[in-house]
Amino acid sequence: MKKNVGTIDAMIRLSLGFFALGWGISRMSRKSRGFMPFLVTLLGSQKIAEGITRFCPMLAYWGWSTRDGLGQERKMPPSTNYYARRKIEPPLTAPQTQQERGAIHE
């Protein structure tokens, strides 16, 4: 089961799911005879589950995804670490002699 729900989409699903679950439970606690509060409670709990697992069966069925950069490599901004930008290993220890220090800064 691959994640196909993005972070913002998951937060929206969780928020609306908790709202719908609360509304449905409050309506059912008033001994409502209608089917609508029960349906809203079920749909709300489904949206909460989708937000937590970040998987939506309908998006998977249609082959859609709301994830950011699915399958893409994250790119670093230009102001990041010197060693990460140049893809070199940082020195493990500080140079001990003056000659070693000069060789690094040349």
N, C-alpha and C. Protein backbone atom coordinates (compact mmCIF):
# COMPACT_ATOMS: atom_id res chain seq x y z
N MET A 1 0.85 -1.17 0.00
CA MET A 1 0.00 0.00 0.00
C MET A 1 0.90 1.24 0.00
N LYS A 2 1.00 1.91 -1.14
CA LYS A 2 1.82 3.10 -1.26
C LYS A 2 1.04 4.32 -0.81
N LYS A 3 1.74 5.25 -0.19
CA LYS A 3 1.09 6.49 0.24
C LYS A 3 0.77 7.32 -1.00
N ASN A 4 -0.47 7.78 -1.09
CA ASN A 4 -0.85 8.61 -2.23
C ASN A 4 -1.55 9.89 -1.80
N VAL A 5 -1.47 10.23 -0.52
CA VAL A 5 -2.09 11.44 0.00
C VAL A 5 -0.98 12.32 0.55
N GLY A 6 -0.93 13.57 0.10
CA GLY A 6 0.08 14.52 0.54
C GLY A 6 -0.16 15.01 1.95
N THR A 7 0.79 15.75 2.47
CA THR A 7 0.73 16.23 3.85
C THR A 7 -0.43 17.19 4.07
N ILE A 8 -0.58 18.16 3.21
CA ILE A 8 -1.66 19.15 3.37
C ILE A 8 -3.01 18.47 3.19
N ASP A 9 -3.10 17.60 2.22
CA ASP A 9 -4.34 16.85 1.98
C ASP A 9 -4.68 15.99 3.19
N ALA A 10 -3.68 15.37 3.82
CA ALA A 10 -3.92 14.55 5.00
C ALA A 10 -4.44 15.40 6.16
N MET A 11 -3.89 16.59 6.33
CA MET A 11 -4.36 17.48 7.41
C MET A 11 -5.80 17.92 7.17
N ILE A 12 -6.12 18.19 5.93
CA ILE A 12 -7.50 18.58 5.61
C ILE A 12 -8.45 17.42 5.86
N ARG A 13 -8.05 16.22 5.46
CA ARG A 13 -8.88 15.04 5.69
C ARG A 13 -9.09 14.79 7.17
N LEU A 14 -8.03 14.95 7.97
CA LEU A 14 -8.16 14.76 9.41
C LEU A 14 -9.10 15.79 10.02
N SER A 15 -8.94 17.04 9.64
CA SER A 15 -9.78 18.10 10.20
C SER A 15 -11.25 17.88 9.85
N LEU A 16 -11.52 17.65 8.59
CA LEU A 16 -12.91 17.45 8.17
C LEU A 16 -13.47 16.13 8.72
N GLY A 17 -12.62 15.12 8.84
CA GLY A 17 -13.05 13.85 9.39
C GLY A 17 -13.46 13.96 10.85
N PHE A 18 -12.65 14.67 11.65
CA PHE A 18 -13.02 14.86 13.06
C PHE A 18 -14.27 15.71 13.20
N PHE A 19 -14.42 16.71 12.33
CA PHE A 19 -15.63 17.52 12.36
C PHE A 19 -16.86 16.67 12.03
N ALA A 20 -16.77 15.89 10.98
CA ALA A 20 -17.91 15.05 10.57
C ALA A 20 -18.21 13.98 11.62
N LEU A 21 -17.18 13.40 12.21
CA LEU A 21 -17.39 12.40 13.25
C LEU A 21 -18.07 13.01 14.47
N GLY A 22 -17.62 14.18 14.88
CA GLY A 22 -18.26 14.87 16.01
C GLY A 22 -19.70 15.25 15.71
N TRP A 23 -19.94 15.76 14.52
CA TRP A 23 -21.31 16.15 14.16
C TRP A 23 -22.22 14.93 14.14
N GLY A 24 -21.76 13.85 13.53
CA GLY A 24 -22.59 12.65 13.44
C GLY A 24 -22.87 12.04 14.81
N ILE A 25 -21.88 12.00 15.67
CA ILE A 25 -22.09 11.45 17.01
C ILE A 25 -23.03 12.32 17.82
N SER A 26 -22.90 13.65 17.69
CA SER A 26 -23.79 14.53 18.44
C SER A 26 -25.24 14.40 17.96
N ARG A 27 -25.43 14.21 16.67
CA ARG A 27 -26.79 14.02 16.14
C ARG A 27 -27.37 12.67 16.55
N MET A 28 -26.53 11.64 16.56
CA MET A 28 -27.03 10.32 16.95
C MET A 28 -27.31 10.23 18.45
N SER A 29 -26.60 11.04 19.24
CA SER A 29 -26.84 11.00 20.69
C SER A 29 -28.18 11.65 21.06
N ARG A 30 -28.76 12.41 20.17
CA ARG A 30 -30.08 13.02 20.40
C ARG A 30 -31.21 12.11 19.96
N LYS A 31 -30.87 10.85 19.73
CA LYS A 31 -31.84 9.83 19.33
C LYS A 31 -32.53 10.19 18.02
N SER A 32 -31.70 10.62 17.09
CA SER A 32 -32.22 10.93 15.77
C SER A 32 -32.54 9.63 15.04
N ARG A 33 -33.65 9.58 14.38
CA ARG A 33 -34.08 8.38 13.66
C ARG A 33 -33.56 8.33 12.23
N GLY A 34 -32.94 9.39 11.78
CA GLY A 34 -32.50 9.45 10.39
C GLY A 34 -31.23 8.64 10.14
N PHE A 35 -31.00 8.37 8.88
CA PHE A 35 -29.84 7.62 8.45
C PHE A 35 -28.64 8.54 8.21
N MET A 36 -28.90 9.83 8.02
CA MET A 36 -27.85 10.79 7.67
C MET A 36 -26.76 10.90 8.76
N PRO A 37 -27.07 11.02 10.05
CA PRO A 37 -25.97 11.10 11.04
C PRO A 37 -25.10 9.85 11.05
N PHE A 38 -25.68 8.70 10.86
CA PHE A 38 -24.90 7.46 10.82
C PHE A 38 -23.97 7.46 9.61
N LEU A 39 -24.46 7.89 8.47
CA LEU A 39 -23.65 7.96 7.25
C LEU A 39 -22.51 8.97 7.40
N VAL A 40 -22.79 10.12 7.97
CA VAL A 40 -21.76 11.15 8.16
C VAL A 40 -20.69 10.65 9.14
N THR A 41 -21.11 9.92 10.17
CA THR A 41 -20.16 9.34 11.13
C THR A 41 -19.24 8.34 10.44
N LEU A 42 -19.79 7.49 9.60
CA LEU A 42 -18.97 6.52 8.87
C LEU A 42 -17.99 7.21 7.91
N LEU A 43 -18.48 8.19 7.18
CA LEU A 43 -17.61 8.90 6.25
C LEU A 43 -16.53 9.69 6.99
N GLY A 44 -16.88 10.27 8.13
CA GLY A 44 -15.89 10.99 8.93
C GLY A 44 -14.79 10.08 9.44
N SER A 45 -15.19 8.89 9.91
CA SER A 45 -14.18 7.95 10.40
C SER A 45 -13.31 7.44 9.25
N GLN A 46 -13.87 7.32 8.06
CA GLN A 46 -13.08 6.91 6.90
C GLN A 46 -12.04 7.99 6.56
N LYS A 47 -12.43 9.24 6.61
CA LYS A 47 -11.50 10.33 6.29
C LYS A 47 -10.40 10.42 7.34
N ILE A 48 -10.72 10.13 8.61
CA ILE A 48 -9.69 10.13 9.64
C ILE A 48 -8.69 9.01 9.36
N ALA A 49 -9.17 7.85 8.99
CA ALA A 49 -8.28 6.73 8.68
C ALA A 49 -7.41 7.05 7.46
N GLU A 50 -7.97 7.70 6.46
CA GLU A 50 -7.19 8.08 5.29
C GLU A 50 -6.13 9.11 5.65
N GLY A 51 -6.46 10.05 6.53
CA GLY A 51 -5.48 11.05 6.94
C GLY A 51 -4.34 10.46 7.74
N ILE A 52 -4.64 9.46 8.57
CA ILE A 52 -3.59 8.85 9.39
C ILE A 52 -2.69 7.96 8.55
N THR A 53 -3.28 7.12 7.72
CA THR A 53 -2.49 6.19 6.90
C THR A 53 -1.93 6.83 5.64
N ARG A 54 -2.47 7.98 5.25
CA ARG A 54 -2.08 8.70 4.04
C ARG A 54 -2.27 7.85 2.79
N PHE A 55 -3.32 7.04 2.80
CA PHE A 55 -3.68 6.23 1.65
C PHE A 55 -5.17 6.38 1.40
N CYS A 56 -5.54 6.71 0.17
CA CYS A 56 -6.94 6.83 -0.21
C CYS A 56 -7.24 5.79 -1.28
N PRO A 57 -8.20 4.90 -1.03
CA PRO A 57 -8.50 3.86 -2.02
C PRO A 57 -9.03 4.43 -3.34
N MET A 58 -9.80 5.50 -3.28
CA MET A 58 -10.33 6.07 -4.53
C MET A 58 -9.22 6.70 -5.38
N LEU A 59 -8.27 7.37 -4.72
CA LEU A 59 -7.14 7.92 -5.48
C LEU A 59 -6.32 6.80 -6.10
N ALA A 60 -6.17 5.70 -5.37
CA ALA A 60 -5.43 4.55 -5.89
C ALA A 60 -6.17 3.93 -7.07
N TYR A 61 -7.48 3.86 -6.99
CA TYR A 61 -8.28 3.29 -8.07
C TYR A 61 -8.13 4.11 -9.35
N TRP A 62 -8.16 5.42 -9.22
CA TRP A 62 -8.05 6.28 -10.40
C TRP A 62 -6.60 6.50 -10.83
N GLY A 63 -5.65 6.09 -10.00
CA GLY A 63 -4.24 6.26 -10.34
C GLY A 63 -3.72 7.66 -10.08
N TRP A 64 -4.37 8.40 -9.20
CA TRP A 64 -3.98 9.77 -8.88
C TRP A 64 -3.18 9.79 -7.60
N SER A 65 -2.52 10.90 -7.35
CA SER A 65 -1.77 11.09 -6.11
C SER A 65 -1.73 12.58 -5.80
N THR A 66 -1.80 12.91 -4.52
CA THR A 66 -1.69 14.30 -4.10
C THR A 66 -0.38 14.54 -3.36
N ARG A 67 0.52 13.56 -3.40
CA ARG A 67 1.81 13.72 -2.74
C ARG A 67 2.68 14.67 -3.53
N ASP A 68 3.50 15.44 -2.82
CA ASP A 68 4.42 16.38 -3.45
C ASP A 68 5.66 15.65 -3.91
N GLY A 69 6.01 15.79 -5.15
CA GLY A 69 7.25 15.25 -5.67
C GLY A 69 7.33 13.74 -5.62
N LEU A 70 6.28 13.07 -5.95
CA LEU A 70 6.28 11.61 -5.92
C LEU A 70 7.28 11.09 -6.94
N GLY A 71 8.27 10.38 -6.45
CA GLY A 71 9.29 9.82 -7.33
C GLY A 71 10.37 10.80 -7.75
N GLN A 72 10.31 12.02 -7.24
CA GLN A 72 11.32 13.01 -7.59
C GLN A 72 12.30 13.15 -6.43
N GLU A 73 13.51 13.48 -6.76
CA GLU A 73 14.53 13.69 -5.76
C GLU A 73 14.41 15.11 -5.23
N ARG A 74 14.51 15.26 -3.91
CA ARG A 74 14.46 16.61 -3.35
C ARG A 74 15.73 17.37 -3.68
N LYS A 75 15.58 18.62 -4.06
CA LYS A 75 16.73 19.44 -4.40
C LYS A 75 17.00 20.39 -3.24
N MET A 76 18.29 20.60 -2.96
CA MET A 76 18.66 21.48 -1.88
C MET A 76 18.75 22.91 -2.37
N PRO A 77 18.35 23.86 -1.52
CA PRO A 77 18.53 25.26 -1.92
C PRO A 77 20.01 25.59 -1.98
N PRO A 78 20.38 26.63 -2.71
CA PRO A 78 21.80 26.93 -2.89
C PRO A 78 22.51 27.34 -1.60
N SER A 79 21.81 27.72 -0.57
CA SER A 79 22.46 28.19 0.65
C SER A 79 22.68 27.08 1.67
N THR A 80 22.71 25.84 1.25
CA THR A 80 22.89 24.73 2.19
C THR A 80 24.37 24.46 2.44
N ASN A 81 24.63 23.43 3.13
CA ASN A 81 25.96 23.05 3.57
C ASN A 81 26.96 22.97 2.41
N TYR A 82 28.18 23.42 2.67
CA TYR A 82 29.25 23.41 1.66
C TYR A 82 29.51 22.00 1.13
N TYR A 83 29.61 21.03 2.03
CA TYR A 83 29.95 19.67 1.62
C TYR A 83 28.80 19.00 0.87
N ALA A 84 27.58 19.31 1.23
CA ALA A 84 26.44 18.71 0.55
C ALA A 84 26.31 19.25 -0.87
N ARG A 85 26.61 20.54 -1.07
CA ARG A 85 26.51 21.12 -2.41
C ARG A 85 27.54 20.52 -3.35
N ARG A 86 28.72 20.26 -2.86
CA ARG A 86 29.81 19.78 -3.71
C ARG A 86 29.90 18.27 -3.73
N LYS A 87 29.08 17.60 -2.97
CA LYS A 87 29.02 16.15 -2.92
C LYS A 87 30.39 15.54 -2.62
N ILE A 88 31.07 16.12 -1.63
CA ILE A 88 32.34 15.58 -1.17
C ILE A 88 32.22 15.28 0.31
N GLU A 89 33.07 14.41 0.77
CA GLU A 89 33.05 14.04 2.18
C GLU A 89 33.78 15.10 3.00
N PRO A 90 33.26 15.49 4.16
CA PRO A 90 33.98 16.42 5.01
C PRO A 90 35.18 15.71 5.64
N PRO A 91 36.19 16.47 6.02
CA PRO A 91 37.34 15.83 6.65
C PRO A 91 36.94 15.23 8.00
N LEU A 92 37.50 14.06 8.29
CA LEU A 92 37.15 13.38 9.53
C LEU A 92 37.79 14.03 10.74
N THR A 93 38.99 14.51 10.60
CA THR A 93 39.69 15.17 11.70
C THR A 93 40.28 16.47 11.20
N ALA A 94 40.56 17.35 12.12
CA ALA A 94 41.20 18.61 11.76
C ALA A 94 42.66 18.34 11.43
N PRO A 95 43.24 19.08 10.48
CA PRO A 95 44.65 18.88 10.15
C PRO A 95 45.53 19.22 11.33
N GLN A 96 46.60 18.47 11.52
CA GLN A 96 47.46 18.63 12.68
C GLN A 96 48.66 19.51 12.41
N THR A 97 49.20 19.50 11.23
CA THR A 97 50.42 20.26 10.95
C THR A 97 50.10 21.44 10.05
N GLN A 98 51.03 22.39 10.04
CA GLN A 98 50.86 23.58 9.19
C GLN A 98 50.81 23.17 7.71
N GLN A 99 51.59 22.19 7.31
CA GLN A 99 51.62 21.75 5.93
C GLN A 99 50.27 21.16 5.51
N GLU A 100 49.64 20.38 6.39
CA GLU A 100 48.32 19.82 6.08
C GLU A 100 47.27 20.92 5.97
N ARG A 101 47.38 21.93 6.84
CA ARG A 101 46.42 23.03 6.79
C ARG A 101 46.54 23.78 5.46
N GLY A 102 47.73 24.00 5.00
CA GLY A 102 47.95 24.71 3.74
C GLY A 102 47.43 23.91 2.56
N ALA A 103 47.54 22.60 2.60
CA ALA A 103 47.09 21.75 1.49
C ALA A 103 45.58 21.79 1.36
N ILE A 104 44.88 21.93 2.46
CA ILE A 104 43.42 21.95 2.41
C ILE A 104 42.91 23.27 1.85
N HIS A 105 43.57 24.37 2.20
CA HIS A 105 43.08 25.69 1.80
C HIS A 105 43.56 26.14 0.44
N GLU A 106 44.35 25.36 -0.23
CA GLU A 106 44.86 25.76 -1.54
C GLU A 106 43.85 25.58 -2.61
